[in-house]
Amino acid sequence: MGSVYLGALLVSTGCMLLLDRRFRLFFWRDAIAATVVTIAGLAFFLIWDVFGIVTGIFYRGEGAIATGIVLAPEMPLEEPVFLTFLVICTMVVYTGAVRLLARGRARPVPNAEAR
């Protein structure tokens, strides 16, 4: 039971990457830029977490579904995996929304001349 959360994160990340591949939104659109954005986002959030841990705001909760492996004080193994998922999910949703909005603007408005 101790790997359920990590497994769910990995499966969810895989699903996001499958959506990305299907619609060529992030990694399959520009792998180098996507890698840079993912690493920068992960670094930002890890620094944020370290700051929260040092100031006593963040702490590791006990959970039966977590592995229990700790990378640093109050930093479970699942945290960087979750943060990577967060960045990928955000970028897939963002690039998908941009594409949908651009498609919506490109369509002509019916009876635009009658107005």
Protein backbone atom coordinates (compact mmCIF):
# COMPACT_ATOMS: atom_id res chain seq x y z
CA MET A 1 0.00 0.00 0.00
CA GLY A 2 3.02 2.25 0.46
CA SER A 3 3.46 3.04 -3.23
CA VAL A 4 -0.11 3.91 -4.19
CA TYR A 5 0.44 7.68 -4.26
CA LEU A 6 3.70 7.44 -6.19
CA GLY A 7 2.10 5.03 -8.65
CA ALA A 8 -0.90 7.31 -9.12
CA LEU A 9 1.41 10.26 -9.78
CA LEU A 10 3.40 8.30 -12.34
CA VAL A 11 0.26 7.03 -14.11
CA SER A 12 -1.21 10.55 -14.13
CA THR A 13 1.99 11.97 -15.55
CA GLY A 14 1.95 9.28 -18.24
CA CYS A 15 -1.64 10.18 -19.13
CA MET A 16 -0.71 13.87 -19.43
CA LEU A 17 2.17 12.93 -21.73
CA LEU A 18 -0.19 10.79 -23.85
CA LEU A 19 -2.52 13.80 -24.24
CA ASP A 20 0.51 15.89 -25.07
CA ARG A 21 1.62 13.41 -27.71
CA ARG A 22 -1.86 13.13 -29.24
CA PHE A 23 -2.29 16.89 -29.67
CA ARG A 24 1.41 17.92 -29.85
CA LEU A 25 1.00 20.52 -27.13
CA PHE A 26 4.20 20.63 -25.10
CA PHE A 27 6.98 18.03 -25.33
CA TRP A 28 5.92 16.81 -28.77
CA ARG A 29 5.74 20.37 -30.03
CA ASP A 30 9.21 21.48 -28.86
CA ALA A 31 11.06 18.98 -26.68
CA ILE A 32 13.99 21.24 -25.81
CA ALA A 33 11.83 24.18 -24.73
CA ALA A 34 9.51 21.85 -22.81
CA THR A 35 12.44 20.28 -20.99
CA VAL A 36 13.80 23.70 -20.03
CA VAL A 37 10.37 24.86 -18.80
CA THR A 38 9.83 21.64 -16.84
CA ILE A 39 13.26 21.83 -15.16
CA ALA A 40 12.83 25.55 -14.39
CA GLY A 41 9.35 24.97 -12.96
CA LEU A 42 10.51 22.01 -10.89
CA ALA A 43 13.48 24.01 -9.56
CA PHE A 44 11.22 26.94 -8.66
CA PHE A 45 8.77 24.75 -6.77
CA LEU A 46 11.54 22.80 -5.00
CA ILE A 47 13.08 26.08 -3.83
CA TRP A 48 9.60 27.15 -2.71
CA ASP A 49 9.24 23.88 -0.78
CA VAL A 50 12.67 24.22 0.84
CA PHE A 51 11.79 27.75 1.92
CA GLY A 52 8.50 26.50 3.38
CA ILE A 53 10.27 23.66 5.20
CA VAL A 54 12.98 25.92 6.62
CA THR A 55 10.42 28.43 7.89
CA GLY A 56 8.31 25.67 9.42
CA ILE A 57 5.31 26.17 7.15
CA PHE A 58 5.57 22.83 5.32
CA TYR A 59 5.95 19.49 6.99
CA ARG A 60 5.63 15.90 5.88
CA GLY A 61 2.41 14.24 6.88
CA GLU A 62 2.22 10.55 7.56
CA GLY A 63 0.24 8.55 5.05
CA ALA A 64 -0.27 4.85 4.51
CA ILE A 65 -0.32 5.35 0.74
CA ALA A 66 3.10 7.08 0.60
CA THR A 67 6.39 5.22 0.30
CA GLY A 68 7.87 6.76 3.43
CA ILE A 69 11.12 7.50 1.59
CA VAL A 70 12.42 10.95 2.53
CA LEU A 71 14.86 12.82 0.26
CA ALA A 72 15.53 15.56 2.81
CA PRO A 73 13.95 16.54 6.11
CA GLU A 74 10.21 16.94 5.49
CA MET A 75 10.68 16.22 1.72
CA PRO A 76 9.14 12.89 0.69
CA LEU A 77 10.09 11.12 -2.52
CA GLU A 78 6.67 11.86 -3.96
CA GLU A 79 7.11 15.64 -3.75
CA PRO A 80 9.40 16.17 -6.77
CA VAL A 81 7.32 13.66 -8.75
CA PHE A 82 4.16 15.61 -7.89
CA LEU A 83 5.83 18.91 -8.79
CA THR A 84 6.93 17.51 -12.15
CA PHE A 85 3.36 16.35 -12.78
CA LEU A 86 2.10 19.80 -11.77
CA VAL A 87 4.36 21.56 -14.27
CA ILE A 88 3.54 19.15 -17.11
CA CYS A 89 -0.19 19.29 -16.39
CA THR A 90 -0.15 23.08 -16.24
CA MET A 91 1.71 23.39 -19.53
CA VAL A 92 -0.50 20.86 -21.34
CA VAL A 93 -3.64 22.65 -20.12
CA TYR A 94 -2.17 26.08 -20.96
CA THR A 95 -1.01 25.18 -24.47
CA GLY A 96 -4.28 23.37 -25.13
CA ALA A 97 -6.29 26.40 -24.00
CA VAL A 98 -4.18 28.73 -26.16
CA ARG A 99 -4.81 26.48 -29.16
CA LEU A 100 -8.56 26.33 -28.52
CA LEU A 101 -8.82 30.10 -28.05
CA ALA A 102 -6.84 30.73 -31.23
CA ARG A 103 -9.12 28.35 -33.12
CA GLY A 104 -12.17 30.16 -31.75
CA ARG A 105 -10.84 33.55 -32.91
CA ALA A 106 -10.08 32.22 -36.38
CA ARG A 107 -13.71 31.23 -37.04
CA PRO A 108 -15.83 33.87 -38.74
CA VAL A 109 -18.82 35.17 -36.83
CA PRO A 110 -22.06 34.18 -38.64
CA ASN A 111 -24.01 37.12 -40.02
CA ALA A 112 -21.28 39.56 -39.04
CA GLU A 113 -22.25 41.86 -41.93
CA ALA A 114 -25.85 42.13 -40.70
CA ARG A 115 -24.82 43.77 -37.45
